[in-house]
Amino acid sequence: MRKLKKTTIIIAVITILVMGIIPLIACYDEEEGGIRIPPPWAWIEFNSNGGSQVPTQRIDYPEQRVIRPVDPQKHGYIFVDWYTDSTFSELFDFDTPIGIGNSTTLFARWKKI
């Protein structure tokens, strides 16, 4: 009985240690040389590609959505939409929540008049 109690305590201690180390390993950032814990918010920057300035948004969690800003203006162009990349291959979906730590830049696409 005493041996079973000792084994149970050892297993419990190992389990606690492993459960405490796994999250630390998941957040380890080798380039920074330490642990990186994502902040409880994300920054969404808007690159208007020569258009009027659009303010950066701070998105707080849990999983809030980006608010569609007022369309920027650019002389001689019509604003098309916001994209997740500078090559305009993926349209940004304002209805999808932003995941934790997913700060990003959105890119304005324009059509010449």
Protein backbone atom coordinates (compact mmCIF):
# COMPACT_ATOMS: atom_id res chain seq x y z
CA MET A 1 0.00 0.00 0.00
CA ARG A 2 2.81 2.41 0.91
CA LYS A 3 4.59 1.70 -2.40
CA LEU A 4 1.37 2.46 -4.35
CA LYS A 5 1.02 5.80 -2.54
CA LYS A 6 4.64 6.72 -3.34
CA THR A 7 4.16 5.76 -7.03
CA THR A 8 0.98 7.85 -7.21
CA ILE A 9 2.80 10.89 -5.79
CA ILE A 10 5.68 10.48 -8.25
CA ILE A 11 3.26 10.22 -11.19
CA ALA A 12 1.37 13.30 -9.96
CA VAL A 13 4.60 15.33 -9.64
CA ILE A 14 5.77 14.28 -13.12
CA THR A 15 2.36 15.14 -14.58
CA ILE A 16 2.41 18.61 -12.99
CA LEU A 17 5.95 19.25 -14.26
CA VAL A 18 5.12 18.10 -17.79
CA MET A 19 1.89 20.12 -17.92
CA GLY A 20 3.81 23.19 -16.78
CA ILE A 21 6.65 22.74 -19.27
CA ILE A 22 4.58 22.02 -22.41
CA PRO A 23 3.02 25.52 -22.58
CA LEU A 24 6.46 27.05 -22.03
CA ILE A 25 7.92 25.03 -24.90
CA ALA A 26 5.02 26.05 -27.16
CA CYS A 27 5.76 29.73 -26.45
CA TYR A 28 9.55 29.49 -26.73
CA ASP A 29 10.94 31.87 -29.32
CA GLU A 30 14.41 30.73 -30.36
CA GLU A 31 15.24 33.95 -32.24
CA GLU A 32 14.38 36.09 -29.21
CA GLY A 33 16.16 33.67 -26.90
CA GLY A 34 13.29 33.30 -24.49
CA ILE A 35 9.66 32.71 -23.88
CA ARG A 36 7.14 34.64 -25.97
CA ILE A 37 3.64 34.83 -24.59
CA PRO A 38 1.23 36.41 -27.09
CA PRO A 39 -0.47 39.59 -25.83
CA PRO A 40 -4.25 39.60 -25.35
CA TRP A 41 -4.69 41.88 -28.37
CA ALA A 42 -3.68 42.32 -32.00
CA TRP A 43 -2.76 45.40 -34.03
CA ILE A 44 -4.32 45.78 -37.47
CA GLU A 45 -2.50 48.23 -39.71
CA PHE A 46 -3.93 49.53 -42.97
CA ASN A 47 -1.53 50.18 -45.86
CA SER A 48 -3.53 52.48 -48.13
CA ASN A 49 -0.97 52.23 -50.96
CA GLY A 50 -0.81 55.96 -51.58
CA GLY A 51 -4.35 56.70 -50.45
CA SER A 52 -5.52 58.70 -47.45
CA GLN A 53 -4.33 57.53 -44.05
CA VAL A 54 -6.37 54.89 -42.20
CA PRO A 55 -5.85 54.59 -38.42
CA THR A 56 -4.42 51.41 -36.92
CA GLN A 57 -6.90 49.36 -34.88
CA ARG A 58 -6.21 47.52 -31.65
CA ILE A 59 -8.34 44.39 -31.46
CA ASP A 60 -8.84 43.15 -27.90
CA TYR A 61 -9.77 39.56 -27.11
CA PRO A 62 -11.65 37.38 -26.85
CA GLU A 63 -11.69 37.16 -30.63
CA GLN A 64 -13.06 40.50 -31.66
CA ARG A 65 -13.50 41.41 -35.30
CA VAL A 66 -11.78 44.17 -37.24
CA ILE A 67 -14.07 47.12 -37.85
CA ARG A 68 -14.21 48.05 -41.53
CA PRO A 69 -12.77 51.57 -41.76
CA VAL A 70 -14.11 54.35 -43.95
CA ASP A 71 -12.81 53.74 -47.48
CA PRO A 72 -9.59 55.67 -48.13
CA GLN A 73 -9.44 58.20 -50.97
CA LYS A 74 -6.88 58.43 -53.76
CA HIS A 75 -7.08 60.96 -56.60
CA GLY A 76 -7.76 59.28 -59.95
CA TYR A 77 -8.64 55.90 -58.40
CA ILE A 78 -11.60 54.00 -56.99
CA PHE A 79 -11.02 51.98 -53.85
CA VAL A 80 -11.62 48.24 -54.47
CA ASP A 81 -11.19 46.54 -51.05
CA TRP A 82 -8.75 45.41 -48.34
CA TYR A 83 -6.46 42.41 -48.91
CA THR A 84 -4.26 40.34 -46.61
CA ASP A 85 -1.23 40.58 -48.90
CA SER A 86 0.43 43.16 -51.15
CA THR A 87 -0.23 41.05 -54.28
CA PHE A 88 -4.01 41.17 -53.63
CA SER A 89 -4.44 37.39 -53.79
CA GLU A 90 -6.64 37.10 -50.68
CA LEU A 91 -9.51 39.41 -49.79
CA PHE A 92 -9.72 40.19 -46.07
CA ASP A 93 -12.91 38.94 -44.38
CA PHE A 94 -14.12 41.49 -41.83
CA ASP A 95 -16.66 38.96 -40.48
CA THR A 96 -13.97 36.53 -39.28
CA PRO A 97 -12.58 37.01 -35.75
CA ILE A 98 -8.87 37.72 -35.41
CA GLY A 99 -7.00 35.00 -33.51
CA ILE A 100 -4.81 35.75 -30.52
CA GLY A 101 -1.49 37.37 -31.36
CA ASN A 102 -2.35 37.72 -35.05
CA SER A 103 -1.33 41.31 -35.67
CA THR A 104 -1.36 42.01 -39.39
CA THR A 105 -1.28 44.61 -42.14
CA LEU A 106 -4.09 44.96 -44.65
CA PHE A 107 -3.45 46.38 -48.13
CA ALA A 108 -5.72 48.66 -50.13
CA ARG A 109 -6.35 47.77 -53.75
CA TRP A 110 -7.20 50.49 -56.25
CA LYS A 111 -8.72 50.66 -59.72
CA LYS A 112 -7.64 53.54 -61.99
CA ILE A 113 -10.54 55.68 -63.22
